[in-house]
PDB file of N, CA and C in Angstrom:
ATOM      1  N   MET A   1     -37.823 -11.992 -14.755  1.00  0.00           N
ATOM      2  CA  MET A   1     -38.199 -12.018 -12.748  1.00  0.00           C
ATOM      3  C   MET A   1     -36.991 -12.571 -12.681  1.00  0.00           C
ATOM      4  N   SER A   2     -37.166 -12.096 -11.451  1.00  0.00           N
ATOM      5  CA  SER A   2     -35.052 -11.869 -11.048  1.00  0.00           C
ATOM      6  C   SER A   2     -35.026 -13.130 -10.054  1.00  0.00           C
ATOM      7  N   ASP A   3     -33.570 -12.593 -10.018  1.00  0.00           N
ATOM      8  CA  ASP A   3     -33.331 -14.407  -9.332  1.00  0.00           C
ATOM      9  C   ASP A   3     -33.245 -13.535  -7.834  1.00  0.00           C
ATOM     10  N   ILE A   4     -33.218 -12.348  -7.853  1.00  0.00           N
ATOM     11  CA  ILE A   4     -32.519 -11.674  -6.352  1.00  0.00           C
ATOM     12  C   ILE A   4     -33.542 -11.668  -5.214  1.00  0.00           C
ATOM     13  N   ILE A   5     -33.786 -11.664  -4.432  1.00  0.00           N
ATOM     14  CA  ILE A   5     -33.835 -12.371  -3.039  1.00  0.00           C
ATOM     15  C   ILE A   5     -33.779 -10.233  -2.277  1.00  0.00           C
ATOM     16  N   ILE A   6     -34.882 -10.450  -2.476  1.00  0.00           N
ATOM     17  CA  ILE A   6     -35.216  -8.373  -2.177  1.00  0.00           C
ATOM     18  C   ILE A   6     -35.459  -8.191  -0.736  1.00  0.00           C
ATOM     19  N   THR A   7     -34.574  -7.426   0.061  1.00  0.00           N
ATOM     20  CA  THR A   7     -34.720  -7.509   1.404  1.00  0.00           C
ATOM     21  C   THR A   7     -35.434  -5.896   1.649  1.00  0.00           C
ATOM     22  N   ASN A   8     -35.141  -4.974   0.732  1.00  0.00           N
ATOM     23  CA  ASN A   8     -35.283  -3.703   1.021  1.00  0.00           C
ATOM     24  C   ASN A   8     -36.191  -3.253  -0.025  1.00  0.00           C
ATOM     25  N   GLU A   9     -37.441  -3.524  -0.142  1.00  0.00           N
ATOM     26  CA  GLU A   9     -38.359  -2.834  -1.179  1.00  0.00           C
ATOM     27  C   GLU A   9     -38.650  -1.957  -1.825  1.00  0.00           C
ATOM     28  N   LYS A  10     -37.542  -0.356  -0.456  1.00  0.00           N
ATOM     29  CA  LYS A  10     -37.617   1.247  -1.339  1.00  0.00           C
ATOM     30  C   LYS A  10     -36.816   0.821  -1.700  1.00  0.00           C
ATOM     31  N   TYR A  11     -35.420   0.480  -1.929  1.00  0.00           N
ATOM     32  CA  TYR A  11     -34.121   0.672  -2.462  1.00  0.00           C
ATOM     33  C   TYR A  11     -34.090  -0.479  -3.730  1.00  0.00           C
ATOM     34  N   ARG A  12     -34.624  -1.078  -3.601  1.00  0.00           N
ATOM     35  CA  ARG A  12     -35.305  -2.735  -4.812  1.00  0.00           C
ATOM     36  C   ARG A  12     -33.358  -3.262  -4.110  1.00  0.00           C
ATOM     37  N   ARG A  13     -32.785  -3.458  -2.878  1.00  0.00           N
ATOM     38  CA  ARG A  13     -31.938  -4.030  -2.461  1.00  0.00           C
ATOM     39  C   ARG A  13     -31.974  -5.395  -1.122  1.00  0.00           C
ATOM     40  N   GLY A  14     -31.288  -6.549  -1.950  1.00  0.00           N
ATOM     41  CA  GLY A  14     -31.078  -7.618  -1.603  1.00  0.00           C
ATOM     42  C   GLY A  14     -29.930  -8.700  -1.480  1.00  0.00           C
ATOM     43  N   PHE A  15     -30.262 -10.258  -1.671  1.00  0.00           N
ATOM     44  CA  PHE A  15     -28.950 -10.390  -2.348  1.00  0.00           C
ATOM     45  C   PHE A  15     -29.147 -11.708  -3.075  1.00  0.00           C
ATOM     46  N   LYS A  16     -28.509 -12.746  -4.035  1.00  0.00           N
ATOM     47  CA  LYS A  16     -28.614 -13.473  -4.656  1.00  0.00           C
ATOM     48  C   LYS A  16     -27.804 -14.678  -4.244  1.00  0.00           C
ATOM     49  N   LEU A  17     -28.547 -16.013  -4.957  1.00  0.00           N
ATOM     50  CA  LEU A  17     -27.295 -16.455  -4.703  1.00  0.00           C
ATOM     51  C   LEU A  17     -26.729 -16.877  -6.259  1.00  0.00           C
ATOM     52  N   ASP A  18     -25.131 -17.042  -6.247  1.00  0.00           N
ATOM     53  CA  ASP A  18     -24.384 -16.798  -7.771  1.00  0.00           C
ATOM     54  C   ASP A  18     -22.979 -17.877  -7.027  1.00  0.00           C
ATOM     55  N   ALA A  19     -22.801 -18.967  -8.204  1.00  0.00           N
ATOM     56  CA  ALA A  19     -22.050 -19.697  -8.111  1.00  0.00           C
ATOM     57  C   ALA A  19     -21.365 -19.760  -9.285  1.00  0.00           C
ATOM     58  N   TYR A  20     -19.436 -19.439  -9.202  1.00  0.00           N
ATOM     59  CA  TYR A  20     -18.291 -19.841  -9.669  1.00  0.00           C
ATOM     60  C   TYR A  20     -17.507 -21.034  -9.536  1.00  0.00           C
ATOM     61  N   GLY A  21     -18.226 -21.905 -10.457  1.00  0.00           N
ATOM     62  CA  GLY A  21     -17.256 -23.521 -10.148  1.00  0.00           C
ATOM     63  C   GLY A  21     -17.828 -24.150  -9.598  1.00  0.00           C
ATOM     64  N   ASP A  22     -17.725 -24.612  -8.493  1.00  0.00           N
ATOM     65  CA  ASP A  22     -18.173 -24.620  -6.979  1.00  0.00           C
ATOM     66  C   ASP A  22     -18.873 -25.166  -5.972  1.00  0.00           C
ATOM     67  N   ILE A  23     -18.549 -23.336  -6.902  1.00  0.00           N
ATOM     68  CA  ILE A  23     -18.257 -22.844  -4.692  1.00  0.00           C
ATOM     69  C   ILE A  23     -19.894 -21.435  -5.017  1.00  0.00           C
ATOM     70  N   TYR A  24     -19.918 -21.558  -4.040  1.00  0.00           N
ATOM     71  CA  TYR A  24     -21.541 -21.330  -3.962  1.00  0.00           C
ATOM     72  C   TYR A  24     -21.037 -19.816  -3.079  1.00  0.00           C
ATOM     73  N   SER A  25     -22.042 -18.338  -3.164  1.00  0.00           N
ATOM     74  CA  SER A  25     -22.004 -17.568  -2.682  1.00  0.00           C
ATOM     75  C   SER A  25     -23.850 -17.101  -2.299  1.00  0.00           C
ATOM     76  N   LEU A  26     -23.773 -15.743  -1.092  1.00  0.00           N
ATOM     77  CA  LEU A  26     -24.449 -15.043  -1.516  1.00  0.00           C
ATOM     78  C   LEU A  26     -24.023 -14.309  -1.774  1.00  0.00           C
ATOM     79  N   VAL A  27     -24.596 -12.537  -2.427  1.00  0.00           N
ATOM     80  CA  VAL A  27     -23.968 -11.708  -3.463  1.00  0.00           C
ATOM     81  C   VAL A  27     -24.710 -10.714  -3.559  1.00  0.00           C
ATOM     82  N   ALA A  28     -24.535  -9.804  -2.261  1.00  0.00           N
ATOM     83  CA  ALA A  28     -25.215  -8.759  -2.699  1.00  0.00           C
ATOM     84  C   ALA A  28     -26.436  -7.722  -4.160  1.00  0.00           C
ATOM     85  N   ALA A  29     -27.356  -7.291  -3.898  1.00  0.00           N
ATOM     86  CA  ALA A  29     -27.444  -7.494  -5.756  1.00  0.00           C
ATOM     87  C   ALA A  29     -28.657  -6.217  -5.684  1.00  0.00           C
ATOM     88  N   ARG A  30     -28.977  -5.177  -6.344  1.00  0.00           N
ATOM     89  CA  ARG A  30     -30.016  -4.752  -6.612  1.00  0.00           C
ATOM     90  C   ARG A  30     -31.074  -4.540  -7.991  1.00  0.00           C
ATOM     91  N   GLU A  31     -31.987  -4.286  -8.148  1.00  0.00           N
ATOM     92  CA  GLU A  31     -32.817  -3.846  -9.160  1.00  0.00           C
ATOM     93  C   GLU A  31     -32.756  -2.964  -9.376  1.00  0.00           C
ATOM     94  N   TYR A  32     -32.495  -2.176 -10.665  1.00  0.00           N
ATOM     95  CA  TYR A  32     -32.448  -1.359 -11.153  1.00  0.00           C
ATOM     96  C   TYR A  32     -33.949  -1.125 -12.834  1.00  0.00           C
ATOM     97  N   THR A  33     -33.679   0.105 -12.934  1.00  0.00           N
ATOM     98  CA  THR A  33     -34.890   0.416 -14.647  1.00  0.00           C
ATOM     99  C   THR A  33     -33.835   1.444 -15.281  1.00  0.00           C
ATOM    100  N   ASP A  34     -33.645   0.571 -16.080  1.00  0.00           N
ATOM    101  CA  ASP A  34     -32.699   1.510 -17.071  1.00  0.00           C
ATOM    102  C   ASP A  34     -33.618   2.190 -17.648  1.00  0.00           C
ATOM    103  N   LYS A  35     -32.849   3.293 -18.628  1.00  0.00           N
ATOM    104  CA  LYS A  35     -32.997   4.448 -20.113  1.00  0.00           C
ATOM    105  C   LYS A  35     -34.569   3.436 -20.094  1.00  0.00           C
ATOM    106  N   SER A  36     -34.725   2.870 -20.974  1.00  0.00           N
ATOM    107  CA  SER A  36     -35.699   1.710 -21.668  1.00  0.00           C
ATOM    108  C   SER A  36     -37.369   2.361 -21.132  1.00  0.00           C
ATOM    109  N   GLY A  37     -37.122   1.644 -19.791  1.00  0.00           N
ATOM    110  CA  GLY A  37     -38.090   1.309 -18.631  1.00  0.00           C
ATOM    111  C   GLY A  37     -37.559  -0.368 -18.236  1.00  0.00           C
ATOM    112  N   GLU A  38     -36.734  -0.542 -18.397  1.00  0.00           N
ATOM    113  CA  GLU A  38     -36.158  -2.919 -18.413  1.00  0.00           C
ATOM    114  C   GLU A  38     -35.789  -2.304 -16.820  1.00  0.00           C
ATOM    115  N   THR A  39     -36.718  -3.311 -15.863  1.00  0.00           N
ATOM    116  CA  THR A  39     -36.639  -3.454 -15.143  1.00  0.00           C
ATOM    117  C   THR A  39     -34.851  -4.842 -15.423  1.00  0.00           C
ATOM    118  N   LYS A  40     -33.184  -3.979 -14.642  1.00  0.00           N
ATOM    119  CA  LYS A  40     -32.434  -5.301 -14.731  1.00  0.00           C
ATOM    120  C   LYS A  40     -31.468  -5.099 -13.415  1.00  0.00           C
ATOM    121  N   GLU A  41     -30.909  -6.191 -12.490  1.00  0.00           N
ATOM    122  CA  GLU A  41     -30.644  -7.062 -11.554  1.00  0.00           C
ATOM    123  C   GLU A  41     -28.632  -6.343 -11.834  1.00  0.00           C
ATOM    124  N   ALA A  42     -27.849  -5.950 -10.650  1.00  0.00           N
ATOM    125  CA  ALA A  42     -26.909  -5.565 -10.290  1.00  0.00           C
ATOM    126  C   ALA A  42     -26.129  -5.903  -9.508  1.00  0.00           C
ATOM    127  N   MET A  43     -24.618  -7.542  -9.208  1.00  0.00           N
ATOM    128  CA  MET A  43     -24.523  -7.334  -7.591  1.00  0.00           C
ATOM    129  C   MET A  43     -23.762  -5.091  -6.986  1.00  0.00           C
ATOM    130  N   GLU A  44     -23.667  -5.597  -6.221  1.00  0.00           N
ATOM    131  CA  GLU A  44     -23.207  -4.186  -5.620  1.00  0.00           C
ATOM    132  C   GLU A  44     -21.072  -4.763  -5.364  1.00  0.00           C
ATOM    133  N   TRP A  45     -20.919  -3.891  -5.980  1.00  0.00           N
ATOM    134  CA  TRP A  45     -19.531  -4.335  -6.069  1.00  0.00           C
ATOM    135  C   TRP A  45     -18.715  -3.088  -4.759  1.00  0.00           C
ATOM    136  N   ALA A  46     -17.068  -3.447  -4.064  1.00  0.00           N
ATOM    137  CA  ALA A  46     -16.793  -2.538  -3.171  1.00  0.00           C
ATOM    138  C   ALA A  46     -15.074  -2.810  -3.521  1.00  0.00           C
ATOM    139  N   PHE A  47     -14.209  -1.531  -2.986  1.00  0.00           N
ATOM    140  CA  PHE A  47     -13.215  -1.406  -3.002  1.00  0.00           C
ATOM    141  C   PHE A  47     -12.502  -2.012  -2.113  1.00  0.00           C
ATOM    142  N   PRO A  48     -12.147  -2.961  -0.662  1.00  0.00           N
ATOM    143  CA  PRO A  48     -11.911  -4.221  -0.870  1.00  0.00           C
ATOM    144  C   PRO A  48     -10.262  -2.766   0.178  1.00  0.00           C
ATOM    145  N   GLN A  49      -9.750  -2.980   1.675  1.00  0.00           N
ATOM    146  CA  GLN A  49      -9.552  -2.204   1.808  1.00  0.00           C
ATOM    147  C   GLN A  49      -7.875  -2.734   2.039  1.00  0.00           C
ATOM    148  N   ASP A  50      -6.667  -2.366   1.872  1.00  0.00           N
ATOM    149  CA  ASP A  50      -5.639  -3.616   2.800  1.00  0.00           C
ATOM    150  C   ASP A  50      -5.064  -3.521   3.622  1.00  0.00           C
ATOM    151  N   LYS A  51      -3.823  -4.265   3.937  1.00  0.00           N
ATOM    152  CA  LYS A  51      -3.172  -3.987   5.679  1.00  0.00           C
ATOM    153  C   LYS A  51      -2.531  -1.966   6.067  1.00  0.00           C
ATOM    154  N   ASP A  52      -3.188  -1.684   5.159  1.00  0.00           N
ATOM    155  CA  ASP A  52      -3.074   0.824   5.501  1.00  0.00           C
ATOM    156  C   ASP A  52      -3.787   0.727   5.713  1.00  0.00           C
ATOM    157  N   ARG A  53      -5.355   0.710   5.411  1.00  0.00           N
ATOM    158  CA  ARG A  53      -6.752   1.298   5.503  1.00  0.00           C
ATOM    159  C   ARG A  53      -6.882   1.519   4.066  1.00  0.00           C
ATOM    160  N   ASN A  54      -5.613   0.905   2.711  1.00  0.00           N
ATOM    161  CA  ASN A  54      -5.789   2.057   1.332  1.00  0.00           C
ATOM    162  C   ASN A  54      -7.304   1.302   0.921  1.00  0.00           C
ATOM    163  N   PRO A  55      -8.107   1.860   0.217  1.00  0.00           N
ATOM    164  CA  PRO A  55      -8.599   1.255  -0.631  1.00  0.00           C
ATOM    165  C   PRO A  55      -8.120   0.942  -2.067  1.00  0.00           C
ATOM    166  N   ARG A  56      -8.346  -0.248  -2.277  1.00  0.00           N
ATOM    167  CA  ARG A  56      -7.014  -1.175  -3.659  1.00  0.00           C
ATOM    168  C   ARG A  56      -7.445  -0.571  -4.965  1.00  0.00           C
ATOM    169  N   GLU A  57      -7.320  -0.741  -5.808  1.00  0.00           N
ATOM    170  CA  GLU A  57      -7.258  -0.750  -6.802  1.00  0.00           C
ATOM    171  C   GLU A  57      -8.373  -1.017  -7.789  1.00  0.00           C
ATOM    172  N   LYS A  58      -8.859  -1.974  -6.816  1.00  0.00           N
ATOM    173  CA  LYS A  58      -9.665  -3.256  -8.440  1.00  0.00           C
ATOM    174  C   LYS A  58     -10.949  -3.433  -7.300  1.00  0.00           C
ATOM    175  N   ALA A  59     -11.711  -3.326  -7.857  1.00  0.00           N
ATOM    176  CA  ALA A  59     -13.347  -3.283  -7.066  1.00  0.00           C
ATOM    177  C   ALA A  59     -13.230  -5.133  -7.089  1.00  0.00           C
ATOM    178  N   ILE A  60     -13.925  -5.821  -6.097  1.00  0.00           N
ATOM    179  CA  ILE A  60     -15.263  -7.335  -5.452  1.00  0.00           C
ATOM    180  C   ILE A  60     -16.513  -6.927  -5.544  1.00  0.00           C
ATOM    181  N   PRO A  61     -16.751  -8.009  -6.192  1.00  0.00           N
ATOM    182  CA  PRO A  61     -18.224  -7.978  -5.455  1.00  0.00           C
ATOM    183  C   PRO A  61     -18.447  -8.266  -4.007  1.00  0.00           C
ATOM    184  N   VAL A  62     -19.500  -7.675  -3.594  1.00  0.00           N
ATOM    185  CA  VAL A  62     -19.974  -8.163  -2.208  1.00  0.00           C
ATOM    186  C   VAL A  62     -19.917  -9.010  -1.483  1.00  0.00           C
ATOM    187  N   LYS A  63     -19.761 -10.634  -1.160  1.00  0.00           N
ATOM    188  CA  LYS A  63     -20.396 -11.577  -1.327  1.00  0.00           C
ATOM    189  C   LYS A  63     -20.177 -12.735   0.070  1.00  0.00           C
ATOM    190  N   ILE A  64     -20.459 -13.545   0.615  1.00  0.00           N
ATOM    191  CA  ILE A  64     -20.362 -14.679   1.853  1.00  0.00           C
ATOM    192  C   ILE A  64     -19.798 -15.640   1.167  1.00  0.00           C
ATOM    193  N   GLU A  65     -18.597 -15.929   1.028  1.00  0.00           N
ATOM    194  CA  GLU A  65     -18.904 -17.743   0.016  1.00  0.00           C
ATOM    195  C   GLU A  65     -19.811 -18.617   0.930  1.00  0.00           C
ATOM    196  N   LEU A  66     -20.148 -19.045   0.838  1.00  0.00           N
ATOM    197  CA  LEU A  66     -19.878 -20.181   1.424  1.00  0.00           C
ATOM    198  C   LEU A  66     -20.319 -22.154   1.012  1.00  0.00           C
ATOM    199  N   GLY A  67     -19.434 -21.826  -0.075  1.00  0.00           N
ATOM    200  CA  GLY A  67     -18.431 -23.092  -0.085  1.00  0.00           C
ATOM    201  C   GLY A  67     -19.197 -24.148  -0.769  1.00  0.00           C
ATOM    202  N   THR A  68     -18.623 -25.652  -0.965  1.00  0.00           N
ATOM    203  CA  THR A  68     -19.497 -25.826  -2.460  1.00  0.00           C
ATOM    204  C   THR A  68     -20.801 -26.515  -1.669  1.00  0.00           C
ATOM    205  N   LYS A  69     -21.841 -27.079  -2.367  1.00  0.00           N
ATOM    206  CA  LYS A  69     -22.958 -26.964  -2.485  1.00  0.00           C
ATOM    207  C   LYS A  69     -23.570 -27.923  -1.246  1.00  0.00           C
ATOM    208  N   ASP A  70     -23.325 -28.517  -0.946  1.00  0.00           N
ATOM    209  CA  ASP A  70     -23.146 -29.374  -0.014  1.00  0.00           C
ATOM    210  C   ASP A  70     -22.745 -28.264   1.500  1.00  0.00           C
ATOM    211  N   GLN A  71     -21.850 -28.215   1.141  1.00  0.00           N
ATOM    212  CA  GLN A  71     -21.351 -27.139   2.528  1.00  0.00           C
ATOM    213  C   GLN A  71     -22.102 -25.700   2.650  1.00  0.00           C
ATOM    214  N   ALA A  72     -22.627 -24.990   1.930  1.00  0.00           N
ATOM    215  CA  ALA A  72     -23.195 -23.904   1.286  1.00  0.00           C
ATOM    216  C   ALA A  72     -24.670 -24.188   2.232  1.00  0.00           C
ATOM    217  N   ILE A  73     -25.737 -26.031   2.394  1.00  0.00           N
ATOM    218  CA  ILE A  73     -26.547 -26.429   2.508  1.00  0.00           C
ATOM    219  C   ILE A  73     -27.048 -26.316   3.859  1.00  0.00           C
ATOM    220  N   LYS A  74     -25.156 -26.780   4.926  1.00  0.00           N
ATOM    221  CA  LYS A  74     -25.188 -27.094   5.892  1.00  0.00           C
ATOM    222  C   LYS A  74     -24.690 -25.222   6.893  1.00  0.00           C
ATOM    223  N   HIS A  75     -24.228 -24.685   5.601  1.00  0.00           N
ATOM    224  CA  HIS A  75     -24.177 -23.241   6.177  1.00  0.00           C
ATOM    225  C   HIS A  75     -25.195 -22.271   6.390  1.00  0.00           C
ATOM    226  N   LEU A  76     -26.525 -22.549   5.879  1.00  0.00           N
ATOM    227  CA  LEU A  76     -27.207 -22.146   5.533  1.00  0.00           C
ATOM    228  C   LEU A  76     -28.634 -22.732   6.670  1.00  0.00           C
ATOM    229  N   ARG A  77     -28.421 -24.251   6.941  1.00  0.00           N
ATOM    230  CA  ARG A  77     -29.014 -24.800   8.198  1.00  0.00           C
ATOM    231  C   ARG A  77     -28.959 -23.846   9.276  1.00  0.00           C
ATOM    232  N   ASP A  78     -27.665 -23.445   9.876  1.00  0.00           N
ATOM    233  CA  ASP A  78     -26.658 -23.189  10.559  1.00  0.00           C
ATOM    234  C   ASP A  78     -27.287 -21.962  10.677  1.00  0.00           C
ATOM    235  N   VAL A  79     -27.443 -20.790  10.324  1.00  0.00           N
ATOM    236  CA  VAL A  79     -28.311 -19.764   9.615  1.00  0.00           C
ATOM    237  C   VAL A  79     -29.539 -19.471  10.717  1.00  0.00           C
ATOM    238  N   LEU A  80     -30.355 -20.787  10.144  1.00  0.00           N
ATOM    239  CA  LEU A  80     -30.963 -20.576  10.361  1.00  0.00           C
ATOM    240  C   LEU A  80     -31.899 -21.679  12.015  1.00  0.00           C
ATOM    241  N   GLU A  81     -31.177 -22.845  12.121  1.00  0.00           N
ATOM    242  CA  GLU A  81     -30.351 -22.507  13.660  1.00  0.00           C
ATOM    243  C   GLU A  81     -30.418 -21.742  14.598  1.00  0.00           C
ATOM    244  N   GLN A  82     -29.724 -20.248  13.935  1.00  0.00           N
ATOM    245  CA  GLN A  82     -29.061 -19.658  14.713  1.00  0.00           C
ATOM    246  C   GLN A  82     -30.433 -18.387  15.269  1.00  0.00           C
ATOM    247  N   LEU A  83     -31.528 -18.627  14.212  1.00  0.00           N
ATOM    248  CA  LEU A  83     -32.077 -17.231  13.784  1.00  0.00           C
ATOM    249  C   LEU A  83     -34.189 -18.036  14.193  1.00  0.00           C
ATOM    250  N   GLY A  84     -33.405 -19.462  15.230  1.00  0.00           N
ATOM    251  CA  GLY A  84     -34.278 -19.597  15.843  1.00  0.00           C
ATOM    252  C   GLY A  84     -35.439 -20.997  15.051  1.00  0.00           C
ATOM    253  N   ALA A  85     -34.935 -21.070  13.781  1.00  0.00           N
ATOM    254  CA  ALA A  85     -36.178 -21.635  12.927  1.00  0.00           C
ATOM    255  C   ALA A  85     -36.658 -23.257  12.865  1.00  0.00           C
ATOM    256  N   GLU A  86     -37.818 -23.807  13.103  1.00  0.00           N
ATOM    257  CA  GLU A  86     -38.100 -25.804  13.528  1.00  0.00           C
ATOM    258  C   GLU A  86     -37.246 -26.001  11.791  1.00  0.00           C
ATOM    259  N   LEU A  87     -36.619 -26.468  11.626  1.00  0.00           N
ATOM    260  CA  LEU A  87     -36.621 -26.538  10.678  1.00  0.00           C
ATOM    261  C   LEU A  87     -37.188 -28.467   9.975  1.00  0.00           C
ATOM    262  N   PRO A  88     -38.320 -28.092   9.054  1.00  0.00           N
ATOM    263  CA  PRO A  88     -39.117 -29.542   8.298  1.00  0.00           C
ATOM    264  C   PRO A  88     -37.196 -30.765   8.382  1.00  0.00           C
ATOM    265  N   GLY A  89     -38.562 -32.442   8.772  1.00  0.00           N
ATOM    266  CA  GLY A  89     -37.660 -33.073   9.441  1.00  0.00           C
ATOM    267  C   GLY A  89     -37.778 -33.765   7.585  1.00  0.00           C
ATOM    268  N   PRO A  90     -36.955 -35.002   7.358  1.00  0.00           N
ATOM    269  CA  PRO A  90     -37.291 -35.979   5.793  1.00  0.00           C
ATOM    270  C   PRO A  90     -38.902 -35.998   5.233  1.00  0.00           C
ATOM    271  N   GLU A  91     -39.297 -36.011   4.335  1.00  0.00           N
ATOM    272  CA  GLU A  91     -40.635 -36.237   4.021  1.00  0.00           C
ATOM    273  C   GLU A  91     -40.789 -38.102   4.220  1.00  0.00           C
ATOM    274  N   ARG A  92     -42.241 -38.338   4.455  1.00  0.00           N
ATOM    275  CA  ARG A  92     -42.567 -39.846   5.410  1.00  0.00           C
ATOM    276  C   ARG A  92     -43.404 -40.165   4.100  1.00  0.00           C
ATOM    277  N   LEU A  93     -42.983 -40.716   2.775  1.00  0.00           N
ATOM    278  CA  LEU A  93     -44.551 -41.541   2.076  1.00  0.00           C
ATOM    279  C   LEU A  93     -45.408 -42.168   2.938  1.00  0.00           C
ATOM    280  N   PRO A  94     -46.586 -42.542   2.365  1.00  0.00           N
ATOM    281  CA  PRO A  94     -47.800 -43.079   3.076  1.00  0.00           C
ATOM    282  C   PRO A  94     -46.517 -44.675   2.060  1.00  0.00           C
ATOM    283  N   ASP A  95     -47.493 -45.791   3.226  1.00  0.00           N
ATOM    284  CA  ASP A  95     -46.878 -46.922   1.976  1.00  0.00           C
ATOM    285  C   ASP A  95     -47.755 -47.773   1.773  1.00  0.00           C
ATOM    286  N   TYR A  96     -48.852 -47.331   0.386  1.00  0.00           N
ATOM    287  CA  TYR A  96     -50.098 -47.612   0.000  1.00  0.00           C
ATOM    288  C   TYR A  96     -49.387 -49.071  -0.169  1.00  0.00           C
ATOM    289  N   GLY A  97     -50.056 -50.016  -0.115  1.00  0.00           N
ATOM    290  CA  GLY A  97     -50.783 -51.320  -0.312  1.00  0.00           C
ATOM    291  C   GLY A  97     -49.319 -52.924  -0.278  1.00  0.00           C
ATOM    292  N   GLN A  98     -48.564 -52.184   0.966  1.00  0.00           N
ATOM    293  CA  GLN A  98     -48.123 -53.232   2.038  1.00  0.00           C
ATOM    294  C   GLN A  98     -48.760 -53.107   3.171  1.00  0.00           C
ATOM    295  N   PRO A  99     -49.606 -53.959   3.203  1.00  0.00           N
ATOM    296  CA  PRO A  99     -50.344 -53.795   4.803  1.00  0.00           C
ATOM    297  C   PRO A  99     -49.364 -54.230   5.286  1.00  0.00           C
ATOM    298  N   GLY A 100     -49.113 -54.703   6.730  1.00  0.00           N
ATOM    299  CA  GLY A 100     -48.646 -55.039   7.651  1.00  0.00           C
ATOM    300  C   GLY A 100     -46.979 -54.516   8.044  1.00  0.00           C
ATOM    301  N   LYS A 101     -46.486 -53.204   7.007  1.00  0.00           N
ATOM    302  CA  LYS A 101     -45.968 -52.635   7.242  1.00  0.00           C
ATOM    303  C   LYS A 101     -46.399 -51.297   8.588  1.00  0.00           C
ATOM    304  N   PRO A 102     -45.708 -51.141   9.407  1.00  0.00           N
ATOM    305  CA  PRO A 102     -45.936 -49.234   9.975  1.00  0.00           C
ATOM    306  C   PRO A 102     -46.175 -48.474   9.109  1.00  0.00           C
ATOM    307  N   GLY A 103     -46.888 -47.026   9.601  1.00  0.00           N
ATOM    308  CA  GLY A 103     -47.637 -46.695   9.282  1.00  0.00           C
ATOM    309  C   GLY A 103     -48.073 -47.018   7.019  1.00  0.00           C
ATOM    310  N   SER A 104     -48.857 -48.085   7.330  1.00  0.00           N
ATOM    311  CA  SER A 104     -49.123 -48.573   5.582  1.00  0.00           C
ATOM    312  C   SER A 104     -50.727 -47.679   6.318  1.00  0.00           C
ATOM    313  N   TYR A 105     -51.520 -47.439   5.206  1.00  0.00           N
ATOM    314  CA  TYR A 105     -52.715 -47.402   4.671  1.00  0.00           C
ATOM    315  C   TYR A 105     -53.462 -47.731   4.453  1.00  0.00           C
ATOM    316  N   PRO A 106     -55.561 -47.998   5.106  1.00  0.00           N
ATOM    317  CA  PRO A 106     -55.529 -49.059   3.637  1.00  0.00           C
ATOM    318  C   PRO A 106     -56.283 -48.649   2.885  1.00  0.00           C
ATOM    319  N   ILE A 107     -56.731 -49.470   1.937  1.00  0.00           N
ATOM    320  CA  ILE A 107     -56.615 -49.418   0.224  1.00  0.00           C
ATOM    321  C   ILE A 107     -57.768 -49.029  -0.306  1.00  0.00           C
ATOM    322  N   GLU A 108     -57.806 -47.831  -0.959  1.00  0.00           N
ATOM    323  CA  GLU A 108     -59.131 -47.376  -0.787  1.00  0.00           C
ATOM    324  C   GLU A 108     -60.409 -48.495  -1.604  1.00  0.00           C
ATOM    325  N   GLY A 109     -61.240 -47.722  -0.775  1.00  0.00           N
ATOM    326  CA  GLY A 109     -62.106 -49.247  -1.557  1.00  0.00           C
ATOM    327  C   GLY A 109     -63.036 -50.113  -1.311  1.00  0.00           C
ATOM    328  N   GLY A 110     -62.892 -50.792   0.406  1.00  0.00           N
ATOM    329  CA  GLY A 110     -62.949 -52.019   0.579  1.00  0.00           C
ATOM    330  C   GLY A 110     -62.404 -53.404   0.035  1.00  0.00           C
ATOM    331  N   ASN A 111     -63.398 -54.033   1.006  1.00  0.00           N
ATOM    332  CA  ASN A 111     -63.518 -55.774   0.869  1.00  0.00           C
ATOM    333  C   ASN A 111     -64.360 -55.675  -0.488  1.00  0.00           C
ATOM    334  N   PRO A 112     -63.930 -56.288  -1.879  1.00  0.00           N
ATOM    335  CA  PRO A 112     -64.878 -57.333  -2.874  1.00  0.00           C
ATOM    336  C   PRO A 112     -66.022 -58.349  -1.803  1.00  0.00           C
ATOM    337  N   GLU A 113     -66.843 -57.903  -2.474  1.00  0.00           N
ATOM    338  CA  GLU A 113     -68.295 -59.452  -2.056  1.00  0.00           C
ATOM    339  C   GLU A 113     -67.689 -60.317  -3.291  1.00  0.00           C
ATOM    340  N   TYR A 114     -66.536 -61.937  -2.128  1.00  0.00           N
ATOM    341  CA  TYR A 114     -66.130 -62.602  -3.528  1.00  0.00           C
ATOM    342  C   TYR A 114     -67.919 -63.845  -3.634  1.00  0.00           C
ATOM    343  N   ASP A 115     -69.274 -63.266  -3.229  1.00  0.00           N
ATOM    344  CA  ASP A 115     -70.308 -64.003  -3.463  1.00  0.00           C
ATOM    345  C   ASP A 115     -70.802 -64.034  -4.555  1.00  0.00           C
ATOM    346  N   SER A 116     -70.634 -62.214  -4.848  1.00  0.00           N
ATOM    347  CA  SER A 116     -71.211 -62.331  -6.461  1.00  0.00           C
ATOM    348  C   SER A 116     -70.553 -62.072  -7.164  1.00  0.00           C
ATOM    349  N   ILE A 117     -68.839 -62.772  -7.553  1.00  0.00           N
ATOM    350  CA  ILE A 117     -68.609 -63.013  -8.589  1.00  0.00           C
ATOM    351  C   ILE A 117     -69.255 -63.817 -10.154  1.00  0.00           C
ATOM    352  N   PRO A 118     -69.503 -63.717 -10.996  1.00  0.00           N
ATOM    353  CA  PRO A 118     -70.673 -63.925 -11.762  1.00  0.00           C
ATOM    354  C   PRO A 118     -70.511 -65.485 -13.162  1.00  0.00           C
ATOM    355  N   PHE A 119     -68.337 -66.287 -12.509  1.00  0.00           N
ATOM    356  CA  PHE A 119     -68.299 -67.320 -12.701  1.00  0.00           C
ATOM    357  C   PHE A 119     -67.845 -67.865 -11.919  1.00  0.00           C
TER     358      PHE A 119
END
């Protein structure tokens, strides 16, 4: 299974989450089939321009740095908000067996009949 999130089905291109040390990035990636027929994935590389608009000698991966894990989560939430997505709130678990507390739920099985206890 590939870690790539495919955004272009025709050319099998997309992106994947990459971690280098404690810095997370979104990296442009693609899937391809090698000569043996095995599906592989590769990062997209580019030669950035220097200040004179000439390509540099060394290629680097095409990526967007998101920061540390906490920063990455915040930045991705900001992007979702800009796209108009509604983020889910915190998950609330039921308070089983704690009567009288807000959000409590009745315990299954009803009330026992104390009159028919055999001792």
